Amino acid sequence: MRAWTSRARAGPRPKPSTRGLMRHVADQDDGRRSPLELAPEGGDVLAAIRAFRRKVVAGASAHWSGAGRAALADLLTRFVRDVAAVTGPPHGPGS
């Protein structure tokens, strides 16, 4: 996973790399860009957040029928797709 910023436009910015969750990598195509990648610890944190979310949703819907859980999955998929259509595609190579 990468996030992209342009050094020419970004100006002063917080440094997520100082917390060890992200790291800057060289952009071979555009020296003005400052791509960020998840550092190993950042990947661990992201995995823990995703596991927590799955646990919460599973717990909250444990008493639902299979059809109810399937409907939620369908609606969430539709919602994410529609939000992406409104906000536009991710920017930058590799996103």
PDB file of N, CA and C in Angstrom:
ATOM      1  N   MET A   1       0.849  -1.158   0.000  1.00  0.00           N
ATOM      2  CA  MET A   1       0.000   0.000   0.000  1.00  0.00           C
ATOM      3  C   MET A   1       0.902   1.230   0.000  1.00  0.00           C
ATOM      4  N   ARG A   2       0.568   2.187  -0.847  1.00  0.00           N
ATOM      5  CA  ARG A   2       1.341   3.422  -0.937  1.00  0.00           C
ATOM      6  C   ARG A   2       0.430   4.630  -0.867  1.00  0.00           C
ATOM      7  N   ALA A   3       0.949   5.681  -0.300  1.00  0.00           N
ATOM      8  CA  ALA A   3       0.297   6.990  -0.336  1.00  0.00           C
ATOM      9  C   ALA A   3       1.246   7.904  -1.084  1.00  0.00           C
ATOM     10  N   TRP A   4       0.711   8.860  -1.813  1.00  0.00           N
ATOM     11  CA  TRP A   4       1.553   9.717  -2.644  1.00  0.00           C
ATOM     12  C   TRP A   4       1.373  11.173  -2.258  1.00  0.00           C
ATOM     13  N   THR A   5       2.480  11.882  -2.222  1.00  0.00           N
ATOM     14  CA  THR A   5       2.440  13.328  -2.053  1.00  0.00           C
ATOM     15  C   THR A   5       3.419  13.932  -3.042  1.00  0.00           C
ATOM     16  N   SER A   6       3.182  15.149  -3.407  1.00  0.00           N
ATOM     17  CA  SER A   6       4.099  15.869  -4.276  1.00  0.00           C
ATOM     18  C   SER A   6       4.894  16.841  -3.424  1.00  0.00           C
ATOM     19  N   ARG A   7       6.209  16.744  -3.431  1.00  0.00           N
ATOM     20  CA  ARG A   7       7.035  17.645  -2.642  1.00  0.00           C
ATOM     21  C   ARG A   7       6.865  19.086  -3.093  1.00  0.00           C
ATOM     22  N   ALA A   8       6.580  19.275  -4.373  1.00  0.00           N
ATOM     23  CA  ALA A   8       6.419  20.630  -4.891  1.00  0.00           C
ATOM     24  C   ALA A   8       5.168  21.303  -4.325  1.00  0.00           C
ATOM     25  N   ARG A   9       4.144  20.544  -3.989  1.00  0.00           N
ATOM     26  CA  ARG A   9       2.893  21.118  -3.514  1.00  0.00           C
ATOM     27  C   ARG A   9       2.640  20.858  -2.039  1.00  0.00           C
ATOM     28  N   ALA A  10       3.268  19.889  -1.458  1.00  0.00           N
ATOM     29  CA  ALA A  10       2.904  19.460  -0.115  1.00  0.00           C
ATOM     30  C   ALA A  10       3.325  20.444   0.967  1.00  0.00           C
ATOM     31  N   GLY A  11       4.454  21.087   0.810  1.00  0.00           N
ATOM     32  CA  GLY A  11       4.936  21.986   1.847  1.00  0.00           C
ATOM     33  C   GLY A  11       5.239  21.207   3.115  1.00  0.00           C
ATOM     34  N   PRO A  12       5.235  21.894   4.260  1.00  0.00           N
ATOM     35  CA  PRO A  12       5.503  21.191   5.516  1.00  0.00           C
ATOM     36  C   PRO A  12       4.433  20.125   5.753  1.00  0.00           C
ATOM     37  N   ARG A  13       4.840  18.980   6.204  1.00  0.00           N
ATOM     38  CA  ARG A  13       3.891  17.901   6.446  1.00  0.00           C
ATOM     39  C   ARG A  13       4.375  17.060   7.625  1.00  0.00           C
ATOM     40  N   PRO A  14       3.430  16.427   8.294  1.00  0.00           N
ATOM     41  CA  PRO A  14       3.833  15.536   9.373  1.00  0.00           C
ATOM     42  C   PRO A  14       4.628  14.377   8.808  1.00  0.00           C
ATOM     43  N   LYS A  15       5.442  13.776   9.603  1.00  0.00           N
ATOM     44  CA  LYS A  15       6.289  12.688   9.146  1.00  0.00           C
ATOM     45  C   LYS A  15       5.818  11.363   9.752  1.00  0.00           C
ATOM     46  N   PRO A  16       4.934  10.649   9.021  1.00  0.00           N
ATOM     47  CA  PRO A  16       4.466   9.373   9.551  1.00  0.00           C
ATOM     48  C   PRO A  16       5.596   8.372   9.706  1.00  0.00           C
ATOM     49  N   SER A  17       6.677   8.589   8.978  1.00  0.00           N
ATOM     50  CA  SER A  17       7.796   7.660   9.071  1.00  0.00           C
ATOM     51  C   SER A  17       8.490   7.745  10.424  1.00  0.00           C
ATOM     52  N   THR A  18       8.325   8.878  11.138  1.00  0.00           N
ATOM     53  CA  THR A  18       8.987   9.001  12.432  1.00  0.00           C
ATOM     54  C   THR A  18       8.355   8.096  13.477  1.00  0.00           C
ATOM     55  N   ARG A  19       7.150   7.633  13.233  1.00  0.00           N
ATOM     56  CA  ARG A  19       6.499   6.706  14.169  1.00  0.00           C
ATOM     57  C   ARG A  19       6.774   5.258  13.793  1.00  0.00           C
ATOM     58  N   GLY A  20       7.452   5.036  12.678  1.00  0.00           N
ATOM     59  CA  GLY A  20       7.803   3.684  12.272  1.00  0.00           C
ATOM     60  C   GLY A  20       6.713   2.919  11.564  1.00  0.00           C
ATOM     61  N   LEU A  21       5.594   3.570  11.246  1.00  0.00           N
ATOM     62  CA  LEU A  21       4.491   2.878  10.593  1.00  0.00           C
ATOM     63  C   LEU A  21       4.581   2.964   9.076  1.00  0.00           C
ATOM     64  N   MET A  22       5.200   4.016   8.587  1.00  0.00           N
ATOM     65  CA  MET A  22       5.364   4.233   7.147  1.00  0.00           C
ATOM     66  C   MET A  22       6.838   4.514   6.877  1.00  0.00           C
ATOM     67  N   ARG A  23       7.219   4.332   5.624  1.00  0.00           N
ATOM     68  CA  ARG A  23       8.580   4.702   5.243  1.00  0.00           C
ATOM     69  C   ARG A  23       8.554   5.331   3.856  1.00  0.00           C
ATOM     70  N   HIS A  24       9.436   6.290   3.662  1.00  0.00           N
ATOM     71  CA  HIS A  24       9.580   6.932   2.348  1.00  0.00           C
ATOM     72  C   HIS A  24      10.398   6.018   1.449  1.00  0.00           C
ATOM     73  N   VAL A  25      10.002   5.962   0.195  1.00  0.00           N
ATOM     74  CA  VAL A  25      10.757   5.203  -0.796  1.00  0.00           C
ATOM     75  C   VAL A  25      11.008   6.110  -1.992  1.00  0.00           C
ATOM     76  N   ALA A  26      12.027   5.802  -2.756  1.00  0.00           N
ATOM     77  CA  ALA A  26      12.371   6.612  -3.924  1.00  0.00           C
ATOM     78  C   ALA A  26      11.399   6.327  -5.059  1.00  0.00           C
ATOM     79  N   ASP A  27      10.939   7.379  -5.718  1.00  0.00           N
ATOM     80  CA  ASP A  27      10.100   7.237  -6.902  1.00  0.00           C
ATOM     81  C   ASP A  27      11.024   7.268  -8.102  1.00  0.00           C
ATOM     82  N   GLN A  28      11.118   6.167  -8.788  1.00  0.00           N
ATOM     83  CA  GLN A  28      12.036   6.050  -9.917  1.00  0.00           C
ATOM     84  C   GLN A  28      11.585   6.850 -11.135  1.00  0.00           C
ATOM     85  N   ASP A  29      10.290   7.198 -11.191  1.00  0.00           N
ATOM     86  CA  ASP A  29       9.756   7.886 -12.361  1.00  0.00           C
ATOM     87  C   ASP A  29       9.637   9.396 -12.190  1.00  0.00           C
ATOM     88  N   ASP A  30       9.514   9.859 -10.945  1.00  0.00           N
ATOM     89  CA  ASP A  30       9.269  11.278 -10.721  1.00  0.00           C
ATOM     90  C   ASP A  30       9.900  11.693  -9.389  1.00  0.00           C
ATOM     91  N   GLY A  31      11.026  12.368  -9.454  1.00  0.00           N
ATOM     92  CA  GLY A  31      11.750  12.779  -8.261  1.00  0.00           C
ATOM     93  C   GLY A  31      11.012  13.771  -7.394  1.00  0.00           C
ATOM     94  N   ARG A  32       9.957  14.387  -7.926  1.00  0.00           N
ATOM     95  CA  ARG A  32       9.174  15.330  -7.131  1.00  0.00           C
ATOM     96  C   ARG A  32       8.208  14.621  -6.195  1.00  0.00           C
ATOM     97  N   ARG A  33       7.966  13.361  -6.442  1.00  0.00           N
ATOM     98  CA  ARG A  33       7.009  12.611  -5.628  1.00  0.00           C
ATOM     99  C   ARG A  33       7.705  11.985  -4.425  1.00  0.00           C
ATOM    100  N   SER A  34       6.951  11.870  -3.377  1.00  0.00           N
ATOM    101  CA  SER A  34       7.459  11.272  -2.150  1.00  0.00           C
ATOM    102  C   SER A  34       6.525  10.142  -1.718  1.00  0.00           C
ATOM    103  N   PRO A  35       6.648   8.991  -2.346  1.00  0.00           N
ATOM    104  CA  PRO A  35       5.747   7.889  -1.994  1.00  0.00           C
ATOM    105  C   PRO A  35       6.046   7.346  -0.600  1.00  0.00           C
ATOM    106  N   LEU A  36       4.993   6.927   0.060  1.00  0.00           N
ATOM    107  CA  LEU A  36       5.105   6.280   1.356  1.00  0.00           C
ATOM    108  C   LEU A  36       4.629   4.847   1.221  1.00  0.00           C
ATOM    109  N   GLU A  37       5.307   3.957   1.901  1.00  0.00           N
ATOM    110  CA  GLU A  37       4.891   2.562   1.967  1.00  0.00           C
ATOM    111  C   GLU A  37       4.711   2.182   3.423  1.00  0.00           C
ATOM    112  N   LEU A  38       3.872   1.197   3.644  1.00  0.00           N
ATOM    113  CA  LEU A  38       3.751   0.679   4.995  1.00  0.00           C
ATOM    114  C   LEU A  38       5.061   0.030   5.399  1.00  0.00           C
ATOM    115  N   ALA A  39       5.554   0.384   6.561  1.00  0.00           N
ATOM    116  CA  ALA A  39       6.691  -0.313   7.149  1.00  0.00           C
ATOM    117  C   ALA A  39       6.148  -1.601   7.763  1.00  0.00           C
ATOM    118  N   PRO A  40       7.006  -2.561   8.077  1.00  0.00           N
ATOM    119  CA  PRO A  40       6.500  -3.807   8.667  1.00  0.00           C
ATOM    120  C   PRO A  40       5.612  -3.570   9.891  1.00  0.00           C
ATOM    121  N   GLU A  41       6.008  -2.661  10.782  1.00  0.00           N
ATOM    122  CA  GLU A  41       5.180  -2.379  11.961  1.00  0.00           C
ATOM    123  C   GLU A  41       3.840  -1.773  11.549  1.00  0.00           C
ATOM    124  N   GLY A  42       3.836  -0.941  10.510  1.00  0.00           N
ATOM    125  CA  GLY A  42       2.589  -0.379  10.007  1.00  0.00           C
ATOM    126  C   GLY A  42       1.667  -1.462   9.479  1.00  0.00           C
ATOM    127  N   GLY A  43       2.245  -2.450   8.806  1.00  0.00           N
ATOM    128  CA  GLY A  43       1.453  -3.585   8.325  1.00  0.00           C
ATOM    129  C   GLY A  43       0.844  -4.368   9.473  1.00  0.00           C
ATOM    130  N   ASP A  44       1.612  -4.518  10.559  1.00  0.00           N
ATOM    131  CA  ASP A  44       1.096  -5.214  11.742  1.00  0.00           C
ATOM    132  C   ASP A  44      -0.063  -4.442  12.366  1.00  0.00           C
ATOM    133  N   VAL A  45       0.083  -3.121  12.459  1.00  0.00           N
ATOM    134  CA  VAL A  45      -0.982  -2.287  13.026  1.00  0.00           C
ATOM    135  C   VAL A  45      -2.227  -2.364  12.149  1.00  0.00           C
ATOM    136  N   LEU A  46      -2.047  -2.277  10.834  1.00  0.00           N
ATOM    137  CA  LEU A  46      -3.179  -2.357   9.921  1.00  0.00           C
ATOM    138  C   LEU A  46      -3.878  -3.714  10.045  1.00  0.00           C
ATOM    139  N   ALA A  47      -3.109  -4.796  10.137  1.00  0.00           N
ATOM    140  CA  ALA A  47      -3.699  -6.130  10.298  1.00  0.00           C
ATOM    141  C   ALA A  47      -4.493  -6.223  11.598  1.00  0.00           C
ATOM    142  N   ALA A  48      -3.977  -5.625  12.680  1.00  0.00           N
ATOM    143  CA  ALA A  48      -4.686  -5.652  13.960  1.00  0.00           C
ATOM    144  C   ALA A  48      -5.996  -4.860  13.881  1.00  0.00           C
ATOM    145  N   ILE A  49      -5.973  -3.726  13.193  1.00  0.00           N
ATOM    146  CA  ILE A  49      -7.194  -2.920  13.028  1.00  0.00           C
ATOM    147  C   ILE A  49      -8.228  -3.702  12.232  1.00  0.00           C
ATOM    148  N   ARG A  50      -7.798  -4.338  11.159  1.00  0.00           N
ATOM    149  CA  ARG A  50      -8.734  -5.113  10.336  1.00  0.00           C
ATOM    150  C   ARG A  50      -9.305  -6.292  11.123  1.00  0.00           C
ATOM    151  N   ALA A  51      -8.462  -6.976  11.899  1.00  0.00           N
ATOM    152  CA  ALA A  51      -8.945  -8.102  12.710  1.00  0.00           C
ATOM    153  C   ALA A  51      -9.965  -7.625  13.739  1.00  0.00           C
ATOM    154  N   PHE A  52      -9.701  -6.480  14.358  1.00  0.00           N
ATOM    155  CA  PHE A  52     -10.641  -5.927  15.337  1.00  0.00           C
ATOM    156  C   PHE A  52     -11.985  -5.612  14.675  1.00  0.00           C
ATOM    157  N   ARG A  53     -11.939  -4.984  13.494  1.00  0.00           N
ATOM    158  CA  ARG A  53     -13.189  -4.660  12.791  1.00  0.00           C
ATOM    159  C   ARG A  53     -13.975  -5.918  12.455  1.00  0.00           C
ATOM    160  N   ARG A  54     -13.266  -6.956  11.966  1.00  0.00           N
ATOM    161  CA  ARG A  54     -13.950  -8.213  11.637  1.00  0.00           C
ATOM    162  C   ARG A  54     -14.599  -8.811  12.887  1.00  0.00           C
ATOM    163  N   LYS A  55     -13.881  -8.771  14.021  1.00  0.00           N
ATOM    164  CA  LYS A  55     -14.402  -9.319  15.274  1.00  0.00           C
ATOM    165  C   LYS A  55     -15.658  -8.554  15.711  1.00  0.00           C
ATOM    166  N   VAL A  56     -15.627  -7.234  15.614  1.00  0.00           N
ATOM    167  CA  VAL A  56     -16.780  -6.416  16.016  1.00  0.00           C
ATOM    168  C   VAL A  56     -17.981  -6.713  15.130  1.00  0.00           C
ATOM    169  N   VAL A  57     -17.775  -6.751  13.820  1.00  0.00           N
ATOM    170  CA  VAL A  57     -18.894  -7.020  12.901  1.00  0.00           C
ATOM    171  C   VAL A  57     -19.426  -8.433  13.127  1.00  0.00           C
ATOM    172  N   ALA A  58     -18.530  -9.398  13.311  1.00  0.00           N
ATOM    173  CA  ALA A  58     -18.976 -10.778  13.558  1.00  0.00           C
ATOM    174  C   ALA A  58     -19.783 -10.861  14.851  1.00  0.00           C
ATOM    175  N   GLY A  59     -19.323 -10.175  15.895  1.00  0.00           N
ATOM    176  CA  GLY A  59     -20.043 -10.191  17.160  1.00  0.00           C
ATOM    177  C   GLY A  59     -21.397  -9.517  17.063  1.00  0.00           C
ATOM    178  N   ALA A  60     -21.437  -8.381  16.389  1.00  0.00           N
ATOM    179  CA  ALA A  60     -22.689  -7.628  16.267  1.00  0.00           C
ATOM    180  C   ALA A  60     -23.716  -8.362  15.411  1.00  0.00           C
ATOM    181  N   SER A  61     -23.259  -9.155  14.472  1.00  0.00           N
ATOM    182  CA  SER A  61     -24.190  -9.839  13.565  1.00  0.00           C
ATOM    183  C   SER A  61     -24.290 -11.336  13.841  1.00  0.00           C
ATOM    184  N   ALA A  62     -23.759 -11.782  14.971  1.00  0.00           N
ATOM    185  CA  ALA A  62     -23.748 -13.219  15.277  1.00  0.00           C
ATOM    186  C   ALA A  62     -25.150 -13.817  15.318  1.00  0.00           C
ATOM    187  N   HIS A  63     -26.124 -13.053  15.773  1.00  0.00           N
ATOM    188  CA  HIS A  63     -27.489 -13.571  15.878  1.00  0.00           C
ATOM    189  C   HIS A  63     -28.300 -13.362  14.599  1.00  0.00           C
ATOM    190  N   TRP A  64     -27.689 -12.772  13.584  1.00  0.00           N
ATOM    191  CA  TRP A  64     -28.389 -12.554  12.324  1.00  0.00           C
ATOM    192  C   TRP A  64     -28.445 -13.861  11.536  1.00  0.00           C
ATOM    193  N   SER A  65     -29.406 -13.932  10.660  1.00  0.00           N
ATOM    194  CA  SER A  65     -29.488 -15.082   9.755  1.00  0.00           C
ATOM    195  C   SER A  65     -28.386 -14.974   8.696  1.00  0.00           C
ATOM    196  N   GLY A  66     -28.134 -16.079   8.039  1.00  0.00           N
ATOM    197  CA  GLY A  66     -27.179 -16.060   6.928  1.00  0.00           C
ATOM    198  C   GLY A  66     -27.593 -15.075   5.856  1.00  0.00           C
ATOM    199  N   ALA A  67     -28.897 -14.992   5.614  1.00  0.00           N
ATOM    200  CA  ALA A  67     -29.410 -14.050   4.606  1.00  0.00           C
ATOM    201  C   ALA A  67     -29.169 -12.611   5.052  1.00  0.00           C
ATOM    202  N   GLY A  68     -29.321 -12.345   6.336  1.00  0.00           N
ATOM    203  CA  GLY A  68     -29.073 -11.001   6.846  1.00  0.00           C
ATOM    204  C   GLY A  68     -27.606 -10.607   6.712  1.00  0.00           C
ATOM    205  N   ARG A  69     -26.697 -11.536   7.037  1.00  0.00           N
ATOM    206  CA  ARG A  69     -25.260 -11.250   6.881  1.00  0.00           C
ATOM    207  C   ARG A  69     -24.892 -11.078   5.406  1.00  0.00           C
ATOM    208  N   ALA A  70     -25.510 -11.862   4.544  1.00  0.00           N
ATOM    209  CA  ALA A  70     -25.252 -11.727   3.103  1.00  0.00           C
ATOM    210  C   ALA A  70     -25.754 -10.378   2.588  1.00  0.00           C
ATOM    211  N   ALA A  71     -26.913  -9.946   3.090  1.00  0.00           N
ATOM    212  CA  ALA A  71     -27.451  -8.636   2.678  1.00  0.00           C
ATOM    213  C   ALA A  71     -26.518  -7.517   3.126  1.00  0.00           C
ATOM    214  N   LEU A  72     -25.995  -7.608   4.359  1.00  0.00           N
ATOM    215  CA  LEU A  72     -25.047  -6.602   4.846  1.00  0.00           C
ATOM    216  C   LEU A  72     -23.808  -6.575   3.954  1.00  0.00           C
ATOM    217  N   ALA A  73     -23.273  -7.735   3.628  1.00  0.00           N
ATOM    218  CA  ALA A  73     -22.088  -7.794   2.773  1.00  0.00           C
ATOM    219  C   ALA A  73     -22.364  -7.160   1.413  1.00  0.00           C
ATOM    220  N   ASP A  74     -23.521  -7.456   0.842  1.00  0.00           N
ATOM    221  CA  ASP A  74     -23.882  -6.869  -0.458  1.00  0.00           C
ATOM    222  C   ASP A  74     -24.004  -5.352  -0.368  1.00  0.00           C
ATOM    223  N   LEU A  75     -24.663  -4.877   0.686  1.00  0.00           N
ATOM    224  CA  LEU A  75     -24.858  -3.431   0.829  1.00  0.00           C
ATOM    225  C   LEU A  75     -23.542  -2.717   1.117  1.00  0.00           C
ATOM    226  N   LEU A  76     -22.680  -3.304   1.922  1.00  0.00           N
ATOM    227  CA  LEU A  76     -21.379  -2.679   2.183  1.00  0.00           C
ATOM    228  C   LEU A  76     -20.539  -2.611   0.910  1.00  0.00           C
ATOM    229  N   THR A  77     -20.589  -3.681   0.123  1.00  0.00           N
ATOM    230  CA  THR A  77     -19.862  -3.690  -1.146  1.00  0.00           C
ATOM    231  C   THR A  77     -20.387  -2.587  -2.059  1.00  0.00           C
ATOM    232  N   ARG A  78     -21.691  -2.472  -2.138  1.00  0.00           N
ATOM    233  CA  ARG A  78     -22.313  -1.420  -2.962  1.00  0.00           C
ATOM    234  C   ARG A  78     -21.932  -0.036  -2.444  1.00  0.00           C
ATOM    235  N   PHE A  79     -21.968   0.149  -1.124  1.00  0.00           N
ATOM    236  CA  PHE A  79     -21.628   1.432  -0.524  1.00  0.00           C
ATOM    237  C   PHE A  79     -20.188   1.829  -0.835  1.00  0.00           C
ATOM    238  N   VAL A  80     -19.256   0.907  -0.664  1.00  0.00           N
ATOM    239  CA  VAL A  80     -17.846   1.202  -0.936  1.00  0.00           C
ATOM    240  C   VAL A  80     -17.651   1.551  -2.406  1.00  0.00           C
ATOM    241  N   ARG A  81     -18.284   0.818  -3.291  1.00  0.00           N
ATOM    242  CA  ARG A  81     -18.191   1.100  -4.728  1.00  0.00           C
ATOM    243  C   ARG A  81     -18.740   2.489  -5.039  1.00  0.00           C
ATOM    244  N   ASP A  82     -19.893   2.832  -4.445  1.00  0.00           N
ATOM    245  CA  ASP A  82     -20.504   4.130  -4.715  1.00  0.00           C
ATOM    246  C   ASP A  82     -19.696   5.278  -4.122  1.00  0.00           C
ATOM    247  N   VAL A  83     -19.103   5.081  -2.959  1.00  0.00           N
ATOM    248  CA  VAL A  83     -18.232   6.108  -2.382  1.00  0.00           C
ATOM    249  C   VAL A  83     -17.025   6.318  -3.289  1.00  0.00           C
ATOM    250  N   ALA A  84     -16.456   5.235  -3.790  1.00  0.00           N
ATOM    251  CA  ALA A  84     -15.312   5.355  -4.696  1.00  0.00           C
ATOM    252  C   ALA A  84     -15.694   6.097  -5.976  1.00  0.00           C
ATOM    253  N   ALA A  85     -16.910   5.894  -6.451  1.00  0.00           N
ATOM    254  CA  ALA A  85     -17.363   6.596  -7.661  1.00  0.00           C
ATOM    255  C   ALA A  85     -17.484   8.095  -7.406  1.00  0.00           C
ATOM    256  N   VAL A  86     -17.866   8.479  -6.204  1.00  0.00           N
ATOM    257  CA  VAL A  86     -18.022   9.887  -5.854  1.00  0.00           C
ATOM    258  C   VAL A  86     -16.672  10.548  -5.591  1.00  0.00           C
ATOM    259  N   THR A  87     -15.778   9.839  -4.928  1.00  0.00           N
ATOM    260  CA  THR A  87     -14.499  10.421  -4.539  1.00  0.00           C
ATOM    261  C   THR A  87     -13.432  10.283  -5.606  1.00  0.00           C
ATOM    262  N   GLY A  88     -13.625   9.394  -6.557  1.00  0.00           N
ATOM    263  CA  GLY A  88     -12.650   9.210  -7.613  1.00  0.00           C
ATOM    264  C   GLY A  88     -11.647   8.119  -7.270  1.00  0.00           C
ATOM    265  N   PRO A  89     -10.880   7.715  -8.255  1.00  0.00           N
ATOM    266  CA  PRO A  89      -9.916   6.638  -8.051  1.00  0.00           C
ATOM    267  C   PRO A  89      -8.725   7.120  -7.209  1.00  0.00           C
ATOM    268  N   PRO A  90      -8.017   6.172  -6.592  1.00  0.00           N
ATOM    269  CA  PRO A  90      -6.795   6.544  -5.878  1.00  0.00           C
ATOM    270  C   PRO A  90      -5.794   7.157  -6.859  1.00  0.00           C
ATOM    271  N   HIS A  91      -4.926   7.985  -6.356  1.00  0.00           N
ATOM    272  CA  HIS A  91      -3.948   8.653  -7.197  1.00  0.00           C
ATOM    273  C   HIS A  91      -2.567   8.047  -7.012  1.00  0.00           C
ATOM    274  N   GLY A  92      -1.807   8.064  -8.055  1.00  0.00           N
ATOM    275  CA  GLY A  92      -0.411   7.640  -7.976  1.00  0.00           C
ATOM    276  C   GLY A  92      -0.213   6.242  -8.507  1.00  0.00           C
ATOM    277  N   PRO A  93       0.974   5.977  -8.985  1.00  0.00           N
ATOM    278  CA  PRO A  93       1.310   4.647  -9.485  1.00  0.00           C
ATOM    279  C   PRO A  93       1.221   3.621  -8.365  1.00  0.00           C
ATOM    280  N   GLY A  94       0.792   2.447  -8.686  1.00  0.00           N
ATOM    281  CA  GLY A  94       0.740   1.357  -7.737  1.00  0.00           C
ATOM    282  C   GLY A  94      -0.427   1.427  -6.777  1.00  0.00           C
ATOM    283  N   SER A  95      -1.339   2.406  -6.953  1.00  0.00           N
ATOM    284  CA  SER A  95      -2.472   2.490  -6.021  1.00  0.00           C
ATOM    285  C   SER A  95      -3.693   1.840  -6.613  1.00  0.00           C
TER     286      SER A  95
END
